[in-house]
């Protein structure tokens, strides 16, 4: 039985990978506006943070807050894998905890928050993102400071 090309799963395209890299690179470049170029206007960020607006604007507001609260914030991509129009990303958000975040007073410690995210893309743009951040690293930065005192 001969396989047709349509029987095979297609890989992520270079354009799709570039979109993913640009999405996370916005943290290093402090350019939240780039979301308007790489996300569909009705992009879904799932789940929304408390009080977060729908669409790119909602995440842009959060990013602007994080850029101010964590001036050295960046996202380091460890892996991107998936198939055409579907991408999974394992990454970490790294910053120095110099301002209060989520009611947690600054510890002045380096923090690493693990990110596990799944993206749907269409025509090279993000349509949906499901995400899970492991904020335990932030909670533990304060604990290690108290232990060492």
N, C-alpha and C. Protein backbone atom coordinates (compact mmCIF):
# COMPACT_ATOMS: atom_id res chain seq x y z
N UNK A 1 0.84 -1.17 0.00
CA UNK A 1 0.00 0.00 0.00
C UNK A 1 0.90 1.24 0.00
N UNK A 2 0.71 2.08 -0.94
CA UNK A 2 1.52 3.29 -1.09
C UNK A 2 0.91 4.44 -0.28
N UNK A 3 1.77 5.12 0.46
CA UNK A 3 1.32 6.29 1.24
C UNK A 3 1.31 7.52 0.37
N UNK A 4 0.28 8.32 0.53
CA UNK A 4 0.21 9.62 -0.14
C UNK A 4 0.80 10.67 0.80
N UNK A 5 1.29 11.74 0.23
CA UNK A 5 1.85 12.81 1.05
C UNK A 5 0.84 13.31 2.07
N UNK A 6 -0.43 13.32 1.74
CA UNK A 6 -1.46 13.80 2.67
C UNK A 6 -1.63 12.88 3.87
N UNK A 7 -1.07 11.65 3.81
CA UNK A 7 -1.16 10.71 4.93
C UNK A 7 -0.15 11.03 6.03
N UNK A 8 0.82 11.89 5.75
CA UNK A 8 1.87 12.18 6.71
C UNK A 8 1.56 13.47 7.47
N UNK A 9 1.95 13.50 8.73
CA UNK A 9 1.82 14.71 9.53
C UNK A 9 2.89 15.69 9.10
N UNK A 10 2.51 16.93 8.89
CA UNK A 10 3.46 17.95 8.45
C UNK A 10 4.14 18.58 9.66
N UNK A 11 5.38 18.94 9.49
CA UNK A 11 6.15 19.57 10.55
C UNK A 11 5.77 21.04 10.70
N UNK A 12 6.14 21.61 11.84
CA UNK A 12 6.03 23.06 12.00
C UNK A 12 6.81 23.73 10.89
N UNK A 13 6.28 24.79 10.34
CA UNK A 13 6.99 25.52 9.31
C UNK A 13 7.99 26.49 9.94
N UNK A 14 8.92 26.98 9.16
CA UNK A 14 9.87 27.99 9.64
C UNK A 14 9.11 29.22 10.11
N UNK A 15 8.09 29.61 9.38
CA UNK A 15 7.27 30.77 9.75
C UNK A 15 6.60 30.57 11.11
N UNK A 16 6.09 29.37 11.35
CA UNK A 16 5.44 29.08 12.64
C UNK A 16 6.45 29.12 13.78
N UNK A 17 7.61 28.55 13.56
CA UNK A 17 8.66 28.57 14.59
C UNK A 17 9.11 30.02 14.84
N UNK A 18 9.25 30.80 13.79
CA UNK A 18 9.62 32.22 13.94
C UNK A 18 8.57 32.97 14.75
N UNK A 19 7.29 32.68 14.52
CA UNK A 19 6.22 33.32 15.29
C UNK A 19 6.36 32.98 16.77
N UNK A 20 6.61 31.72 17.08
CA UNK A 20 6.78 31.29 18.47
C UNK A 20 7.99 32.00 19.09
N UNK A 21 9.10 32.03 18.38
CA UNK A 21 10.31 32.70 18.92
C UNK A 21 10.06 34.19 19.13
N UNK A 22 9.33 34.83 18.23
CA UNK A 22 9.01 36.25 18.36
C UNK A 22 8.11 36.48 19.58
N UNK A 23 7.15 35.59 19.79
CA UNK A 23 6.24 35.69 20.94
C UNK A 23 7.04 35.76 22.25
N UNK A 24 7.94 34.82 22.45
CA UNK A 24 8.73 34.81 23.69
C UNK A 24 9.83 35.87 23.69
N UNK A 25 10.34 36.20 22.53
CA UNK A 25 11.36 37.25 22.43
C UNK A 25 10.86 38.61 22.84
N UNK A 26 9.53 38.80 22.79
CA UNK A 26 8.94 40.08 23.20
C UNK A 26 9.28 40.42 24.65
N UNK A 27 9.52 39.42 25.48
CA UNK A 27 9.89 39.67 26.87
C UNK A 27 11.28 40.27 26.96
N UNK A 28 12.20 39.76 26.18
CA UNK A 28 13.58 40.28 26.21
C UNK A 28 13.65 41.68 25.60
N UNK A 29 12.92 41.89 24.50
CA UNK A 29 12.96 43.18 23.80
C UNK A 29 12.03 44.21 24.42
N UNK A 30 11.19 43.77 25.37
CA UNK A 30 10.20 44.65 26.03
C UNK A 30 9.26 45.27 24.99
N UNK A 31 8.83 44.43 24.04
CA UNK A 31 8.00 44.91 22.94
C UNK A 31 6.66 44.16 22.93
N UNK A 32 5.76 44.53 23.82
CA UNK A 32 4.45 43.89 23.89
C UNK A 32 3.62 44.14 22.63
N UNK A 33 3.87 45.25 21.93
CA UNK A 33 3.11 45.59 20.73
C UNK A 33 3.27 44.56 19.62
N UNK A 34 4.35 43.77 19.66
CA UNK A 34 4.58 42.77 18.62
C UNK A 34 3.45 41.74 18.58
N UNK A 35 2.71 41.59 19.68
CA UNK A 35 1.60 40.64 19.71
C UNK A 35 0.56 40.97 18.65
N UNK A 36 0.41 42.27 18.35
CA UNK A 36 -0.56 42.67 17.32
C UNK A 36 -0.18 42.11 15.95
N UNK A 37 1.10 41.83 15.73
CA UNK A 37 1.57 41.31 14.45
C UNK A 37 1.55 39.79 14.37
N UNK A 38 1.72 39.11 15.51
CA UNK A 38 1.87 37.65 15.48
C UNK A 38 0.66 36.89 16.02
N UNK A 39 -0.31 37.60 16.58
CA UNK A 39 -1.52 36.98 17.09
C UNK A 39 -2.72 37.44 16.28
N UNK A 40 -3.67 36.54 16.06
CA UNK A 40 -4.94 36.97 15.48
C UNK A 40 -5.60 37.95 16.44
N UNK A 41 -6.40 38.88 15.95
CA UNK A 41 -7.07 39.85 16.84
C UNK A 41 -7.95 39.17 17.90
N UNK A 42 -8.49 37.98 17.58
CA UNK A 42 -9.32 37.27 18.56
C UNK A 42 -8.56 36.12 19.23
N UNK A 43 -7.22 36.21 19.27
CA UNK A 43 -6.37 35.21 19.93
C UNK A 43 -6.89 34.93 21.33
N UNK A 44 -6.91 33.66 21.70
CA UNK A 44 -7.38 33.24 23.02
C UNK A 44 -6.20 32.85 23.89
N UNK A 45 -6.09 33.46 25.03
CA UNK A 45 -5.08 33.16 26.04
C UNK A 45 -5.80 32.39 27.14
N UNK A 46 -5.48 31.11 27.30
CA UNK A 46 -6.26 30.24 28.17
C UNK A 46 -5.36 29.62 29.23
N UNK A 47 -5.63 29.80 30.51
CA UNK A 47 -6.71 30.59 31.08
C UNK A 47 -6.30 32.06 31.20
N UNK A 48 -7.28 32.93 31.23
CA UNK A 48 -7.00 34.35 31.47
C UNK A 48 -6.62 34.54 32.93
N UNK A 49 -5.74 35.48 33.18
CA UNK A 49 -5.41 35.86 34.55
C UNK A 49 -6.59 36.65 35.14
N UNK A 50 -6.69 36.73 36.45
CA UNK A 50 -7.78 37.54 37.04
C UNK A 50 -7.75 38.96 36.49
N UNK A 51 -8.87 39.41 35.94
CA UNK A 51 -8.99 40.76 35.40
C UNK A 51 -8.39 40.96 34.01
N UNK A 52 -7.82 39.91 33.42
CA UNK A 52 -7.19 40.04 32.10
C UNK A 52 -8.25 40.15 31.01
N UNK A 53 -8.06 41.10 30.10
CA UNK A 53 -8.94 41.26 28.95
C UNK A 53 -8.63 40.18 27.92
N UNK A 54 -9.62 39.87 27.07
CA UNK A 54 -9.41 38.94 25.96
C UNK A 54 -8.48 39.53 24.93
N UNK A 55 -7.91 38.66 24.09
CA UNK A 55 -7.12 39.08 22.96
C UNK A 55 -5.71 39.52 23.32
N UNK A 56 -4.96 39.92 22.31
CA UNK A 56 -3.58 40.36 22.55
C UNK A 56 -3.47 41.49 23.57
N UNK A 57 -4.44 42.41 23.60
CA UNK A 57 -4.39 43.54 24.53
C UNK A 57 -4.27 43.08 25.98
N UNK A 58 -4.99 42.01 26.32
CA UNK A 58 -4.94 41.50 27.70
C UNK A 58 -3.54 41.08 28.10
N UNK A 59 -2.86 40.33 27.24
CA UNK A 59 -1.50 39.92 27.56
C UNK A 59 -0.54 41.10 27.47
N UNK A 60 -0.77 42.02 26.57
CA UNK A 60 0.09 43.21 26.49
C UNK A 60 0.06 43.98 27.81
N UNK A 61 -1.10 44.09 28.44
CA UNK A 61 -1.20 44.78 29.74
C UNK A 61 -0.38 44.05 30.80
N UNK A 62 -0.47 42.71 30.81
CA UNK A 62 0.30 41.93 31.78
C UNK A 62 1.80 42.06 31.50
N UNK A 63 2.18 42.02 30.23
CA UNK A 63 3.59 42.14 29.87
C UNK A 63 4.13 43.51 30.30
N UNK A 64 3.37 44.56 30.07
CA UNK A 64 3.80 45.91 30.47
C UNK A 64 4.03 45.97 31.97
N UNK A 65 3.13 45.37 32.74
CA UNK A 65 3.29 45.30 34.19
C UNK A 65 4.57 44.54 34.55
N UNK A 66 4.79 43.38 33.92
CA UNK A 66 5.98 42.58 34.22
C UNK A 66 7.26 43.30 33.83
N UNK A 67 7.25 44.03 32.71
CA UNK A 67 8.44 44.77 32.29
C UNK A 67 8.83 45.80 33.35
N UNK A 68 7.83 46.41 33.99
CA UNK A 68 8.09 47.41 35.04
C UNK A 68 8.49 46.73 36.35
N UNK A 69 7.79 45.65 36.70
CA UNK A 69 8.04 44.97 37.97
C UNK A 69 9.33 44.16 37.95
N UNK A 70 9.72 43.67 36.79
CA UNK A 70 10.88 42.79 36.65
C UNK A 70 11.73 43.28 35.47
N UNK A 71 12.50 44.34 35.66
CA UNK A 71 13.21 44.95 34.53
C UNK A 71 14.12 44.01 33.75
N UNK A 72 14.63 42.96 34.38
CA UNK A 72 15.54 42.06 33.68
C UNK A 72 14.85 40.78 33.18
N UNK A 73 13.52 40.80 33.10
CA UNK A 73 12.77 39.60 32.70
C UNK A 73 13.12 39.16 31.29
N UNK A 74 13.21 37.84 31.12
CA UNK A 74 13.36 37.26 29.80
C UNK A 74 12.81 35.84 29.85
N UNK A 75 12.45 35.34 28.69
CA UNK A 75 11.99 33.97 28.58
C UNK A 75 13.02 33.20 27.77
N UNK A 76 13.44 32.09 28.33
CA UNK A 76 14.41 31.22 27.67
C UNK A 76 13.66 30.00 27.15
N UNK A 77 13.71 29.78 25.86
CA UNK A 77 13.05 28.62 25.25
C UNK A 77 13.99 27.42 25.37
N UNK A 78 13.48 26.34 25.95
CA UNK A 78 14.26 25.10 26.05
C UNK A 78 13.92 24.14 24.91
N UNK A 79 12.64 24.10 24.50
CA UNK A 79 12.22 23.22 23.42
C UNK A 79 10.98 23.78 22.73
N UNK A 80 10.94 23.61 21.42
CA UNK A 80 9.73 23.83 20.64
C UNK A 80 9.53 22.56 19.83
N UNK A 81 8.37 21.96 19.96
CA UNK A 81 8.09 20.79 19.14
C UNK A 81 6.61 20.74 18.81
N UNK A 82 6.28 20.02 17.78
CA UNK A 82 4.89 19.91 17.40
C UNK A 82 4.75 19.57 15.94
N UNK A 83 3.57 19.87 15.42
CA UNK A 83 3.24 19.62 14.03
C UNK A 83 2.67 20.91 13.45
N UNK A 84 2.52 20.92 12.15
CA UNK A 84 1.98 22.09 11.46
C UNK A 84 0.74 22.61 12.19
N UNK A 85 0.79 23.86 12.57
CA UNK A 85 -0.28 24.60 13.25
C UNK A 85 -0.49 24.21 14.71
N UNK A 86 0.40 23.39 15.27
CA UNK A 86 0.33 23.00 16.68
C UNK A 86 1.75 22.99 17.23
N UNK A 87 1.98 23.75 18.29
CA UNK A 87 3.34 23.80 18.86
C UNK A 87 3.27 23.71 20.38
N UNK A 88 4.17 22.95 20.94
CA UNK A 88 4.35 22.88 22.38
C UNK A 88 5.70 23.53 22.70
N UNK A 89 5.72 24.28 23.79
CA UNK A 89 6.94 24.98 24.19
C UNK A 89 7.21 24.71 25.66
N UNK A 90 8.45 24.32 25.93
CA UNK A 90 8.95 24.22 27.30
C UNK A 90 9.96 25.35 27.44
N UNK A 91 9.72 26.23 28.39
CA UNK A 91 10.55 27.41 28.55
C UNK A 91 10.64 27.78 30.02
N UNK A 92 11.39 28.82 30.32
CA UNK A 92 11.42 29.37 31.67
C UNK A 92 11.49 30.89 31.59
N UNK A 93 10.79 31.51 32.52
CA UNK A 93 10.80 32.96 32.66
C UNK A 93 11.76 33.26 33.81
N UNK A 94 12.76 34.08 33.52
CA UNK A 94 13.79 34.37 34.52
C UNK A 94 13.83 35.87 34.78
N UNK A 95 13.97 36.21 36.07
CA UNK A 95 14.04 37.61 36.46
C UNK A 95 14.55 37.71 37.89
N UNK A 96 14.95 38.93 38.27
CA UNK A 96 15.31 39.20 39.65
C UNK A 96 14.08 39.80 40.32
N UNK A 97 13.72 39.24 41.46
CA UNK A 97 12.50 39.65 42.18
C UNK A 97 12.80 40.94 42.98
N UNK A 98 12.74 42.08 42.28
CA UNK A 98 13.08 43.37 42.90
C UNK A 98 11.86 44.21 43.28
N UNK A 99 10.67 43.80 42.88
CA UNK A 99 9.43 44.51 43.23
C UNK A 99 8.39 43.50 43.68
N UNK A 100 7.38 43.98 44.38
CA UNK A 100 6.29 43.10 44.81
C UNK A 100 5.58 42.53 43.58
N UNK A 101 5.34 41.23 43.63
CA UNK A 101 4.62 40.55 42.55
C UNK A 101 3.58 39.65 43.20
N UNK A 102 2.34 39.79 42.79
CA UNK A 102 1.24 38.98 43.31
C UNK A 102 1.20 39.00 44.85
N UNK A 103 1.50 40.16 45.43
CA UNK A 103 1.47 40.30 46.87
C UNK A 103 2.69 39.76 47.59
N UNK A 104 3.67 39.27 46.85
CA UNK A 104 4.89 38.71 47.45
C UNK A 104 5.95 39.80 47.47
N UNK A 105 6.42 40.19 48.67
CA UNK A 105 7.42 41.25 48.74
C UNK A 105 8.72 40.86 48.04
N UNK A 106 9.47 41.84 47.57
CA UNK A 106 10.71 41.54 46.84
C UNK A 106 11.72 40.81 47.71
N UNK A 107 12.41 39.86 47.09
CA UNK A 107 13.46 39.10 47.79
C UNK A 107 14.84 39.44 47.25
N UNK A 108 14.89 40.11 46.10
CA UNK A 108 16.13 40.45 45.41
C UNK A 108 16.91 39.19 45.01
N UNK A 109 16.18 38.07 44.89
CA UNK A 109 16.75 36.81 44.44
C UNK A 109 16.44 36.60 42.97
N UNK A 110 17.29 35.85 42.28
CA UNK A 110 16.99 35.42 40.93
C UNK A 110 15.88 34.36 41.01
N UNK A 111 14.92 34.47 40.11
CA UNK A 111 13.78 33.56 40.10
C UNK A 111 13.67 32.92 38.72
N UNK A 112 13.28 31.66 38.70
CA UNK A 112 13.00 30.96 37.44
C UNK A 112 11.62 30.33 37.57
N UNK A 113 10.75 30.67 36.63
CA UNK A 113 9.39 30.15 36.60
C UNK A 113 9.27 29.27 35.35
N UNK A 114 8.97 27.98 35.56
CA UNK A 114 8.83 27.06 34.43
C UNK A 114 7.55 27.38 33.67
N UNK A 115 7.63 27.32 32.34
CA UNK A 115 6.49 27.55 31.46
C UNK A 115 6.27 26.31 30.59
N UNK A 116 5.01 25.91 30.49
CA UNK A 116 4.62 24.82 29.59
C UNK A 116 3.42 25.34 28.82
N UNK A 117 3.59 25.51 27.52
CA UNK A 117 2.56 26.18 26.74
C UNK A 117 2.31 25.45 25.43
N UNK A 118 1.05 25.52 25.01
CA UNK A 118 0.61 24.87 23.78
C UNK A 118 -0.07 25.91 22.91
N UNK A 119 0.36 26.00 21.68
CA UNK A 119 -0.13 27.03 20.77
C UNK A 119 -0.79 26.41 19.55
N UNK A 120 -1.88 27.03 19.11
CA UNK A 120 -2.47 26.74 17.80
C UNK A 120 -2.15 27.93 16.91
N UNK A 121 -1.79 27.65 15.67
CA UNK A 121 -1.47 28.69 14.70
C UNK A 121 -2.29 28.48 13.43
N UNK A 122 -2.55 29.56 12.74
CA UNK A 122 -3.19 29.50 11.44
C UNK A 122 -2.57 30.58 10.59
N UNK A 123 -2.11 30.23 9.40
CA UNK A 123 -1.46 31.18 8.49
C UNK A 123 -0.31 31.92 9.18
N UNK A 124 0.44 31.20 10.03
CA UNK A 124 1.61 31.77 10.69
C UNK A 124 1.33 32.65 11.88
N UNK A 125 0.06 32.76 12.30
CA UNK A 125 -0.29 33.60 13.47
C UNK A 125 -0.90 32.73 14.56
N UNK A 126 -0.69 33.17 15.80
CA UNK A 126 -1.26 32.45 16.94
C UNK A 126 -2.77 32.67 17.00
N UNK A 127 -3.51 31.58 17.22
CA UNK A 127 -4.96 31.68 17.39
C UNK A 127 -5.37 31.35 18.82
N UNK A 128 -4.64 30.44 19.46
CA UNK A 128 -4.93 30.03 20.83
C UNK A 128 -3.61 29.71 21.54
N UNK A 129 -3.56 29.99 22.82
CA UNK A 129 -2.43 29.57 23.65
C UNK A 129 -2.98 29.07 24.98
N UNK A 130 -2.64 27.82 25.30
CA UNK A 130 -2.95 27.27 26.61
C UNK A 130 -1.64 27.27 27.38
N UNK A 131 -1.67 27.77 28.60
CA UNK A 131 -0.40 27.92 29.33
C UNK A 131 -0.51 27.50 30.78
N UNK A 132 0.63 27.10 31.31
CA UNK A 132 0.74 26.74 32.72
C UNK A 132 2.11 27.24 33.19
N UNK A 133 2.08 28.15 34.13
CA UNK A 133 3.32 28.66 34.72
C UNK A 133 3.45 28.06 36.11
N UNK A 134 4.65 27.70 36.47
CA UNK A 134 4.92 27.15 37.80
C UNK A 134 5.51 28.26 38.67
N UNK A 135 4.61 29.01 39.32
CA UNK A 135 5.03 30.16 40.13
C UNK A 135 5.66 29.74 41.46
N UNK A 136 5.84 28.44 41.69
CA UNK A 136 6.46 27.97 42.92
C UNK A 136 7.86 28.55 43.09
N UNK A 137 8.58 28.76 41.98
CA UNK A 137 9.92 29.34 42.04
C UNK A 137 9.90 30.72 42.69
N UNK A 138 8.85 31.51 42.40
CA UNK A 138 8.73 32.83 43.02
C UNK A 138 8.45 32.69 44.51
N UNK A 139 7.53 31.79 44.87
CA UNK A 139 7.22 31.58 46.29
C UNK A 139 8.45 31.12 47.06
N UNK A 140 9.24 30.26 46.45
CA UNK A 140 10.42 29.72 47.13
C UNK A 140 11.56 30.72 47.23
N UNK A 141 11.59 31.75 46.38
CA UNK A 141 12.66 32.74 46.48
C UNK A 141 12.60 33.44 47.83
N UNK A 142 11.43 33.69 48.35
CA UNK A 142 11.28 34.30 49.66
C UNK A 142 11.64 33.35 50.79
N UNK A 143 11.32 32.06 50.63
CA UNK A 143 11.61 31.06 51.65
C UNK A 143 13.11 30.90 51.82
N UNK A 144 13.84 30.85 50.69
CA UNK A 144 15.28 30.66 50.80
C UNK A 144 15.94 31.86 51.47
N UNK A 145 15.36 33.05 51.25
CA UNK A 145 15.91 34.24 51.88
C UNK A 145 15.71 34.16 53.40
N UNK A 146 14.53 33.72 53.84
CA UNK A 146 14.25 33.63 55.27
C UNK A 146 15.11 32.57 55.93
N UNK A 147 15.36 31.49 55.24
CA UNK A 147 16.19 30.40 55.80
C UNK A 147 17.61 30.89 56.00
N UNK A 148 18.12 31.69 55.08
CA UNK A 148 19.52 32.10 55.15
C UNK A 148 19.76 33.21 56.16
N UNK A 149 18.71 33.81 56.67
CA UNK A 149 18.89 34.94 57.61
C UNK A 149 19.14 34.47 59.02
